[in-house]
């Protein structure tokens, strides 16, 4: 499931990432009504957010990639200690 964000090209403003497209559309509708008088500004878009941009900077979490790399490093260290430990 990809997060979404609303981006106004005219204002160069973006909403925070949202889980669903409908949440991003709600940000769009509010922005259009409050800033542009219900008109559609140039560069108005709902975007899929990928990578670091999708992360909530206020959230505290462990990345799945970091966990998998840690497990792989431990497995490699265990293998090396078994091979050279004899």
PDB file of N, CA and C in Angstrom:
ATOM      1  N   UNK A   1       0.851  -1.167   0.000  1.00  0.00           N
ATOM      2  CA  UNK A   1       0.000   0.000   0.000  1.00  0.00           C
ATOM      3  C   UNK A   1       0.903   1.238   0.000  1.00  0.00           C
ATOM      4  N   UNK A   2       0.747   2.047  -1.008  1.00  0.00           N
ATOM      5  CA  UNK A   2       1.557   3.252  -1.131  1.00  0.00           C
ATOM      6  C   UNK A   2       0.862   4.435  -0.481  1.00  0.00           C
ATOM      7  N   UNK A   3       1.603   5.208   0.275  1.00  0.00           N
ATOM      8  CA  UNK A   3       1.032   6.446   0.808  1.00  0.00           C
ATOM      9  C   UNK A   3       0.814   7.470  -0.309  1.00  0.00           C
ATOM     10  N   UNK A   4      -0.024   8.440  -0.045  1.00  0.00           N
ATOM     11  CA  UNK A   4      -0.344   9.489  -1.015  1.00  0.00           C
ATOM     12  C   UNK A   4      -0.092  10.854  -0.391  1.00  0.00           C
ATOM     13  N   UNK A   5       0.052  11.847  -1.253  1.00  0.00           N
ATOM     14  CA  UNK A   5       0.157  13.222  -0.786  1.00  0.00           C
ATOM     15  C   UNK A   5      -0.432  14.123  -1.857  1.00  0.00           C
ATOM     16  N   UNK A   6      -1.046  15.206  -1.413  1.00  0.00           N
ATOM     17  CA  UNK A   6      -1.557  16.218  -2.331  1.00  0.00           C
ATOM     18  C   UNK A   6      -0.473  17.264  -2.534  1.00  0.00           C
ATOM     19  N   UNK A   7      -0.280  17.686  -3.774  1.00  0.00           N
ATOM     20  CA  UNK A   7       0.721  18.711  -4.082  1.00  0.00           C
ATOM     21  C   UNK A   7       0.086  19.783  -4.948  1.00  0.00           C
ATOM     22  N   UNK A   8       0.230  21.042  -4.517  1.00  0.00           N
ATOM     23  CA  UNK A   8      -0.228  22.185  -5.301  1.00  0.00           C
ATOM     24  C   UNK A   8       0.997  22.796  -5.970  1.00  0.00           C
ATOM     25  N   UNK A   9       1.075  22.662  -7.278  1.00  0.00           N
ATOM     26  CA  UNK A   9       2.210  23.185  -8.020  1.00  0.00           C
ATOM     27  C   UNK A   9       2.285  24.698  -8.016  1.00  0.00           C
ATOM     28  N   UNK A  10       1.137  25.337  -7.961  1.00  0.00           N
ATOM     29  CA  UNK A  10       1.108  26.798  -7.978  1.00  0.00           C
ATOM     30  C   UNK A  10       1.642  27.367  -6.662  1.00  0.00           C
ATOM     31  N   UNK A  11       1.217  26.802  -5.548  1.00  0.00           N
ATOM     32  CA  UNK A  11       1.657  27.285  -4.236  1.00  0.00           C
ATOM     33  C   UNK A  11       2.975  26.643  -3.798  1.00  0.00           C
ATOM     34  N   UNK A  12       3.365  25.581  -4.484  1.00  0.00           N
ATOM     35  CA  UNK A  12       4.534  24.793  -4.105  1.00  0.00           C
ATOM     36  C   UNK A  12       4.375  24.271  -2.679  1.00  0.00           C
ATOM     37  N   UNK A  13       3.173  23.789  -2.389  1.00  0.00           N
ATOM     38  CA  UNK A  13       2.845  23.254  -1.067  1.00  0.00           C
ATOM     39  C   UNK A  13       2.430  21.798  -1.209  1.00  0.00           C
ATOM     40  N   UNK A  14       2.728  21.002  -0.172  1.00  0.00           N
ATOM     41  CA  UNK A  14       2.349  19.589  -0.157  1.00  0.00           C
ATOM     42  C   UNK A  14       1.694  19.256   1.168  1.00  0.00           C
ATOM     43  N   UNK A  15       0.748  18.332   1.115  1.00  0.00           N
ATOM     44  CA  UNK A  15       0.146  17.837   2.350  1.00  0.00           C
ATOM     45  C   UNK A  15       1.089  16.807   2.963  1.00  0.00           C
ATOM     46  N   UNK A  16       0.905  16.487   4.234  1.00  0.00           N
ATOM     47  CA  UNK A  16       1.679  15.382   4.801  1.00  0.00           C
ATOM     48  C   UNK A  16       1.244  14.078   4.135  1.00  0.00           C
ATOM     49  N   UNK A  17       2.101  13.055   4.124  1.00  0.00           N
ATOM     50  CA  UNK A  17       1.698  11.774   3.531  1.00  0.00           C
ATOM     51  C   UNK A  17       0.470  11.208   4.240  1.00  0.00           C
ATOM     52  N   UNK A  18      -0.429  10.629   3.456  1.00  0.00           N
ATOM     53  CA  UNK A  18      -1.638  10.006   3.994  1.00  0.00           C
ATOM     54  C   UNK A  18      -1.663   8.547   3.578  1.00  0.00           C
ATOM     55  N   UNK A  19      -2.419   7.740   4.306  1.00  0.00           N
ATOM     56  CA  UNK A  19      -2.481   6.314   4.021  1.00  0.00           C
ATOM     57  C   UNK A  19      -3.348   6.032   2.796  1.00  0.00           C
ATOM     58  N   UNK A  20      -4.448   6.750   2.674  1.00  0.00           N
ATOM     59  CA  UNK A  20      -5.369   6.487   1.568  1.00  0.00           C
ATOM     60  C   UNK A  20      -5.427   7.671   0.612  1.00  0.00           C
ATOM     61  N   UNK A  21      -5.821   7.363  -0.609  1.00  0.00           N
ATOM     62  CA  UNK A  21      -5.973   8.410  -1.619  1.00  0.00           C
ATOM     63  C   UNK A  21      -7.089   9.380  -1.224  1.00  0.00           C
ATOM     64  N   UNK A  22      -8.150   8.859  -0.606  1.00  0.00           N
ATOM     65  CA  UNK A  22      -9.267   9.730  -0.230  1.00  0.00           C
ATOM     66  C   UNK A  22      -8.851  10.763   0.818  1.00  0.00           C
ATOM     67  N   UNK A  23      -7.910  10.430   1.693  1.00  0.00           N
ATOM     68  CA  UNK A  23      -7.408  11.414   2.659  1.00  0.00           C
ATOM     69  C   UNK A  23      -6.638  12.525   1.936  1.00  0.00           C
ATOM     70  N   UNK A  24      -5.835  12.141   0.941  1.00  0.00           N
ATOM     71  CA  UNK A  24      -5.105  13.140   0.152  1.00  0.00           C
ATOM     72  C   UNK A  24      -6.080  14.008  -0.633  1.00  0.00           C
ATOM     73  N   UNK A  25      -7.153  13.410  -1.137  1.00  0.00           N
ATOM     74  CA  UNK A  25      -8.165  14.176  -1.866  1.00  0.00           C
ATOM     75  C   UNK A  25      -8.871  15.164  -0.938  1.00  0.00           C
ATOM     76  N   UNK A  26      -9.043  14.788   0.322  1.00  0.00           N
ATOM     77  CA  UNK A  26      -9.650  15.711   1.296  1.00  0.00           C
ATOM     78  C   UNK A  26      -8.734  16.918   1.525  1.00  0.00           C
ATOM     79  N   UNK A  27      -7.428  16.678   1.605  1.00  0.00           N
ATOM     80  CA  UNK A  27      -6.471  17.787   1.707  1.00  0.00           C
ATOM     81  C   UNK A  27      -6.579  18.688   0.473  1.00  0.00           C
ATOM     82  N   UNK A  28      -6.691  18.063  -0.696  1.00  0.00           N
ATOM     83  CA  UNK A  28      -6.814  18.820  -1.945  1.00  0.00           C
ATOM     84  C   UNK A  28      -8.064  19.681  -1.940  1.00  0.00           C
ATOM     85  N   UNK A  29      -9.192  19.085  -1.583  1.00  0.00           N
ATOM     86  CA  UNK A  29     -10.458  19.818  -1.583  1.00  0.00           C
ATOM     87  C   UNK A  29     -10.411  21.002  -0.617  1.00  0.00           C
ATOM     88  N   UNK A  30      -9.834  20.784   0.573  1.00  0.00           N
ATOM     89  CA  UNK A  30      -9.729  21.869   1.554  1.00  0.00           C
ATOM     90  C   UNK A  30      -8.829  22.985   1.013  1.00  0.00           C
ATOM     91  N   UNK A  31      -7.692  22.612   0.431  1.00  0.00           N
ATOM     92  CA  UNK A  31      -6.752  23.610  -0.097  1.00  0.00           C
ATOM     93  C   UNK A  31      -7.388  24.405  -1.234  1.00  0.00           C
ATOM     94  N   UNK A  32      -8.047  23.706  -2.142  1.00  0.00           N
ATOM     95  CA  UNK A  32      -8.704  24.403  -3.254  1.00  0.00           C
ATOM     96  C   UNK A  32      -9.733  25.404  -2.735  1.00  0.00           C
ATOM     97  N   UNK A  33     -10.527  24.983  -1.759  1.00  0.00           N
ATOM     98  CA  UNK A  33     -11.594  25.846  -1.242  1.00  0.00           C
ATOM     99  C   UNK A  33     -11.036  27.039  -0.465  1.00  0.00           C
ATOM    100  N   UNK A  34     -10.028  26.795   0.365  1.00  0.00           N
ATOM    101  CA  UNK A  34      -9.550  27.866   1.239  1.00  0.00           C
ATOM    102  C   UNK A  34      -8.559  28.817   0.572  1.00  0.00           C
ATOM    103  N   UNK A  35      -7.802  28.331  -0.411  1.00  0.00           N
ATOM    104  CA  UNK A  35      -6.765  29.169  -1.011  1.00  0.00           C
ATOM    105  C   UNK A  35      -7.123  29.629  -2.426  1.00  0.00           C
ATOM    106  N   UNK A  36      -7.777  28.749  -3.181  1.00  0.00           N
ATOM    107  CA  UNK A  36      -8.011  29.037  -4.600  1.00  0.00           C
ATOM    108  C   UNK A  36      -9.486  29.256  -4.953  1.00  0.00           C
ATOM    109  N   UNK A  37     -10.341  29.427  -3.959  1.00  0.00           N
ATOM    110  CA  UNK A  37     -11.755  29.688  -4.219  1.00  0.00           C
ATOM    111  C   UNK A  37     -12.431  28.593  -5.022  1.00  0.00           C
ATOM    112  N   UNK A  38     -12.104  27.335  -4.728  1.00  0.00           N
ATOM    113  CA  UNK A  38     -12.646  26.141  -5.401  1.00  0.00           C
ATOM    114  C   UNK A  38     -12.192  25.996  -6.852  1.00  0.00           C
ATOM    115  N   UNK A  39     -11.236  26.786  -7.297  1.00  0.00           N
ATOM    116  CA  UNK A  39     -10.675  26.622  -8.645  1.00  0.00           C
ATOM    117  C   UNK A  39      -9.551  25.596  -8.598  1.00  0.00           C
ATOM    118  N   UNK A  40      -9.241  25.010  -9.751  1.00  0.00           N
ATOM    119  CA  UNK A  40      -8.177  24.013  -9.838  1.00  0.00           C
ATOM    120  C   UNK A  40      -6.883  24.720 -10.245  1.00  0.00           C
ATOM    121  N   UNK A  41      -5.899  24.781  -9.347  1.00  0.00           N
ATOM    122  CA  UNK A  41      -4.646  25.458  -9.687  1.00  0.00           C
ATOM    123  C   UNK A  41      -3.783  24.614 -10.630  1.00  0.00           C
ATOM    124  N   UNK A  42      -2.909  25.277 -11.389  1.00  0.00           N
ATOM    125  CA  UNK A  42      -1.966  24.559 -12.245  1.00  0.00           C
ATOM    126  C   UNK A  42      -1.047  23.705 -11.376  1.00  0.00           C
ATOM    127  N   UNK A  43      -0.748  22.509 -11.857  1.00  0.00           N
ATOM    128  CA  UNK A  43       0.165  21.625 -11.143  1.00  0.00           C
ATOM    129  C   UNK A  43      -0.460  20.911  -9.960  1.00  0.00           C
ATOM    130  N   UNK A  44      -1.775  20.933  -9.880  1.00  0.00           N
ATOM    131  CA  UNK A  44      -2.524  20.279  -8.815  1.00  0.00           C
ATOM    132  C   UNK A  44      -2.466  18.766  -9.044  1.00  0.00           C
ATOM    133  N   UNK A  45      -2.010  17.979  -8.042  1.00  0.00           N
ATOM    134  CA  UNK A  45      -1.888  16.525  -8.254  1.00  0.00           C
ATOM    135  C   UNK A  45      -1.912  15.765  -6.937  1.00  0.00           C
ATOM    136  N   UNK A  46      -2.389  14.528  -7.032  1.00  0.00           N
ATOM    137  CA  UNK A  46      -2.264  13.565  -5.950  1.00  0.00           C
ATOM    138  C   UNK A  46      -1.114  12.649  -6.375  1.00  0.00           C
ATOM    139  N   UNK A  47      -0.103  12.527  -5.518  1.00  0.00           N
ATOM    140  CA  UNK A  47       1.091  11.758  -5.868  1.00  0.00           C
ATOM    141  C   UNK A  47       1.233  10.541  -4.962  1.00  0.00           C
ATOM    142  N   UNK A  48       1.807   9.478  -5.540  1.00  0.00           N
ATOM    143  CA  UNK A  48       2.254   8.352  -4.718  1.00  0.00           C
ATOM    144  C   UNK A  48       3.551   8.778  -4.061  1.00  0.00           C
ATOM    145  N   UNK A  49       3.706   8.467  -2.788  1.00  0.00           N
ATOM    146  CA  UNK A  49       4.922   8.828  -2.070  1.00  0.00           C
ATOM    147  C   UNK A  49       5.741   7.561  -1.876  1.00  0.00           C
ATOM    148  N   UNK A  50       7.001   7.629  -2.262  1.00  0.00           N
ATOM    149  CA  UNK A  50       7.895   6.475  -2.111  1.00  0.00           C
ATOM    150  C   UNK A  50       9.132   6.874  -1.321  1.00  0.00           C
ATOM    151  N   UNK A  51       9.777   5.880  -0.743  1.00  0.00           N
ATOM    152  CA  UNK A  51      11.052   6.118  -0.075  1.00  0.00           C
ATOM    153  C   UNK A  51      10.927   6.966   1.175  1.00  0.00           C
ATOM    154  N   UNK A  52      11.964   7.773   1.418  1.00  0.00           N
ATOM    155  CA  UNK A  52      12.037   8.569   2.637  1.00  0.00           C
ATOM    156  C   UNK A  52      10.925   9.594   2.743  1.00  0.00           C
ATOM    157  N   UNK A  53      10.413  10.046   1.615  1.00  0.00           N
ATOM    158  CA  UNK A  53       9.355  11.054   1.654  1.00  0.00           C
ATOM    159  C   UNK A  53       8.074  10.501   2.270  1.00  0.00           C
ATOM    160  N   UNK A  54       7.897   9.194   2.240  1.00  0.00           N
ATOM    161  CA  UNK A  54       6.697   8.587   2.780  1.00  0.00           C
ATOM    162  C   UNK A  54       6.749   8.442   4.290  1.00  0.00           C
ATOM    163  N   UNK A  55       7.901   8.594   4.876  1.00  0.00           N
ATOM    164  CA  UNK A  55       8.038   8.383   6.300  1.00  0.00           C
ATOM    165  C   UNK A  55       7.555   9.595   7.073  1.00  0.00           C
ATOM    166  N   UNK A  56       6.868   9.315   8.145  1.00  0.00           N
ATOM    167  CA  UNK A  56       6.407  10.373   9.034  1.00  0.00           C
ATOM    168  C   UNK A  56       7.568  10.754   9.942  1.00  0.00           C
ATOM    169  N   UNK A  57       8.083  11.980   9.852  1.00  0.00           N
ATOM    170  CA  UNK A  57       9.258  12.342  10.643  1.00  0.00           C
ATOM    171  C   UNK A  57       9.000  12.334  12.148  1.00  0.00           C
ATOM    172  N   UNK A  58       7.744  12.375  12.563  1.00  0.00           N
ATOM    173  CA  UNK A  58       7.431  12.346  13.992  1.00  0.00           C
ATOM    174  C   UNK A  58       7.272  10.928  14.529  1.00  0.00           C
ATOM    175  N   UNK A  59       7.196   9.963  13.646  1.00  0.00           N
ATOM    176  CA  UNK A  59       6.990   8.583  14.069  1.00  0.00           C
ATOM    177  C   UNK A  59       8.325   7.942  14.452  1.00  0.00           C
ATOM    178  N   UNK A  60       8.264   7.058  15.398  1.00  0.00           N
ATOM    179  CA  UNK A  60       9.452   6.299  15.784  1.00  0.00           C
ATOM    180  C   UNK A  60       9.180   4.851  15.397  1.00  0.00           C
ATOM    181  N   UNK A  61      10.042   4.309  14.569  1.00  0.00           N
ATOM    182  CA  UNK A  61       9.838   2.969  14.068  1.00  0.00           C
ATOM    183  C   UNK A  61      11.174   2.370  13.652  1.00  0.00           C
ATOM    184  N   UNK A  62      11.182   1.079  13.421  1.00  0.00           N
ATOM    185  CA  UNK A  62      12.338   0.397  12.865  1.00  0.00           C
ATOM    186  C   UNK A  62      12.036   0.057  11.425  1.00  0.00           C
ATOM    187  N   UNK A  63      12.951   0.349  10.563  1.00  0.00           N
ATOM    188  CA  UNK A  63      12.796   0.016   9.161  1.00  0.00           C
ATOM    189  C   UNK A  63      12.948  -1.492   8.993  1.00  0.00           C
ATOM    190  N   UNK A  64      12.114  -2.084   8.172  1.00  0.00           N
ATOM    191  CA  UNK A  64      12.211  -3.507   7.882  1.00  0.00           C
ATOM    192  C   UNK A  64      13.555  -3.814   7.249  1.00  0.00           C
ATOM    193  N   UNK A  65      14.025  -2.942   6.396  1.00  0.00           N
ATOM    194  CA  UNK A  65      15.324  -3.149   5.747  1.00  0.00           C
ATOM    195  C   UNK A  65      16.436  -3.190   6.782  1.00  0.00           C
ATOM    196  N   UNK A  66      16.391  -2.287   7.760  1.00  0.00           N
ATOM    197  CA  UNK A  66      17.426  -2.260   8.799  1.00  0.00           C
ATOM    198  C   UNK A  66      17.396  -3.535   9.634  1.00  0.00           C
ATOM    199  N   UNK A  67      16.208  -4.025   9.947  1.00  0.00           N
ATOM    200  CA  UNK A  67      16.081  -5.260  10.726  1.00  0.00           C
ATOM    201  C   UNK A  67      16.645  -6.437   9.937  1.00  0.00           C
ATOM    202  N   UNK A  68      16.296  -6.534   8.653  1.00  0.00           N
ATOM    203  CA  UNK A  68      16.797  -7.635   7.831  1.00  0.00           C
ATOM    204  C   UNK A  68      18.312  -7.568   7.663  1.00  0.00           C
ATOM    205  N   UNK A  69      18.865  -6.372   7.504  1.00  0.00           N
ATOM    206  CA  UNK A  69      20.321  -6.233   7.406  1.00  0.00           C
ATOM    207  C   UNK A  69      21.001  -6.638   8.711  1.00  0.00           C
ATOM    208  N   UNK A  70      20.383  -6.293   9.834  1.00  0.00           N
ATOM    209  CA  UNK A  70      20.930  -6.699  11.128  1.00  0.00           C
ATOM    210  C   UNK A  70      20.933  -8.206  11.301  1.00  0.00           C
ATOM    211  N   UNK A  71      19.851  -8.857  10.908  1.00  0.00           N
ATOM    212  CA  UNK A  71      19.768 -10.318  10.997  1.00  0.00           C
ATOM    213  C   UNK A  71      20.801 -10.962  10.075  1.00  0.00           C
ATOM    214  N   UNK A  72      20.944 -10.416   8.855  1.00  0.00           N
ATOM    215  CA  UNK A  72      21.936 -10.950   7.921  1.00  0.00           C
ATOM    216  C   UNK A  72      23.349 -10.784   8.466  1.00  0.00           C
ATOM    217  N   UNK A  73      23.640  -9.648   9.098  1.00  0.00           N
ATOM    218  CA  UNK A  73      24.969  -9.425   9.686  1.00  0.00           C
ATOM    219  C   UNK A  73      25.230 -10.414  10.820  1.00  0.00           C
ATOM    220  N   UNK A  74      24.228 -10.673  11.647  1.00  0.00           N
ATOM    221  CA  UNK A  74      24.392 -11.651  12.724  1.00  0.00           C
ATOM    222  C   UNK A  74      24.601 -13.056  12.178  1.00  0.00           C
ATOM    223  N   UNK A  75      23.869 -13.423  11.127  1.00  0.00           N
ATOM    224  CA  UNK A  75      24.031 -14.741  10.506  1.00  0.00           C
ATOM    225  C   UNK A  75      25.429 -14.881   9.909  1.00  0.00           C
ATOM    226  N   UNK A  76      25.923 -13.832   9.264  1.00  0.00           N
ATOM    227  CA  UNK A  76      27.268 -13.863   8.686  1.00  0.00           C
ATOM    228  C   UNK A  76      28.321 -13.977   9.783  1.00  0.00           C
ATOM    229  N   UNK A  77      28.172 -13.238  10.858  1.00  0.00           N
ATOM    230  CA  UNK A  77      29.118 -13.315  11.969  1.00  0.00           C
ATOM    231  C   UNK A  77      29.109 -14.709  12.592  1.00  0.00           C
ATOM    232  N   UNK A  78      27.948 -15.296  12.731  1.00  0.00           N
ATOM    233  CA  UNK A  78      27.835 -16.650  13.273  1.00  0.00           C
ATOM    234  C   UNK A  78      28.529 -17.650  12.356  1.00  0.00           C
ATOM    235  N   UNK A  79      28.319 -17.512  11.065  1.00  0.00           N
ATOM    236  CA  UNK A  79      28.957 -18.408  10.096  1.00  0.00           C
ATOM    237  C   UNK A  79      30.481 -18.278  10.154  1.00  0.00           C
ATOM    238  N   UNK A  80      30.986 -17.065  10.183  1.00  0.00           N
ATOM    239  CA  UNK A  80      32.436 -16.837  10.220  1.00  0.00           C
ATOM    240  C   UNK A  80      33.038 -17.392  11.510  1.00  0.00           C
ATOM    241  N   UNK A  81      32.355 -17.192  12.630  1.00  0.00           N
ATOM    242  CA  UNK A  81      32.889 -17.717  13.897  1.00  0.00           C
ATOM    243  C   UNK A  81      32.900 -19.233  13.908  1.00  0.00           C
ATOM    244  N   UNK A  82      31.965 -19.875  13.260  1.00  0.00           N
ATOM    245  CA  UNK A  82      31.945 -21.342  13.196  1.00  0.00           C
ATOM    246  C   UNK A  82      33.055 -21.866  12.299  1.00  0.00           C
ATOM    247  N   UNK A  83      33.296 -21.182  11.176  1.00  0.00           N
ATOM    248  CA  UNK A  83      34.319 -21.643  10.232  1.00  0.00           C
ATOM    249  C   UNK A  83      35.716 -21.433  10.810  1.00  0.00           C
ATOM    250  N   UNK A  84      35.984 -20.281  11.375  1.00  0.00           N
ATOM    251  CA  UNK A  84      37.326 -19.967  11.865  1.00  0.00           C
ATOM    252  C   UNK A  84      37.515 -20.281  13.337  1.00  0.00           C
ATOM    253  N   UNK A  85      36.495 -20.690  14.025  1.00  0.00           N
ATOM    254  CA  UNK A  85      36.584 -20.970  15.446  1.00  0.00           C
ATOM    255  C   UNK A  85      37.124 -22.360  15.749  1.00  0.00           C
ATOM    256  N   UNK A  86      37.318 -23.196  14.783  1.00  0.00           N
ATOM    257  CA  UNK A  86      37.778 -24.564  15.008  1.00  0.00           C
ATOM    258  C   UNK A  86      39.262 -24.649  15.097  1.00  0.00           C
TER     259      UNK A  86
END
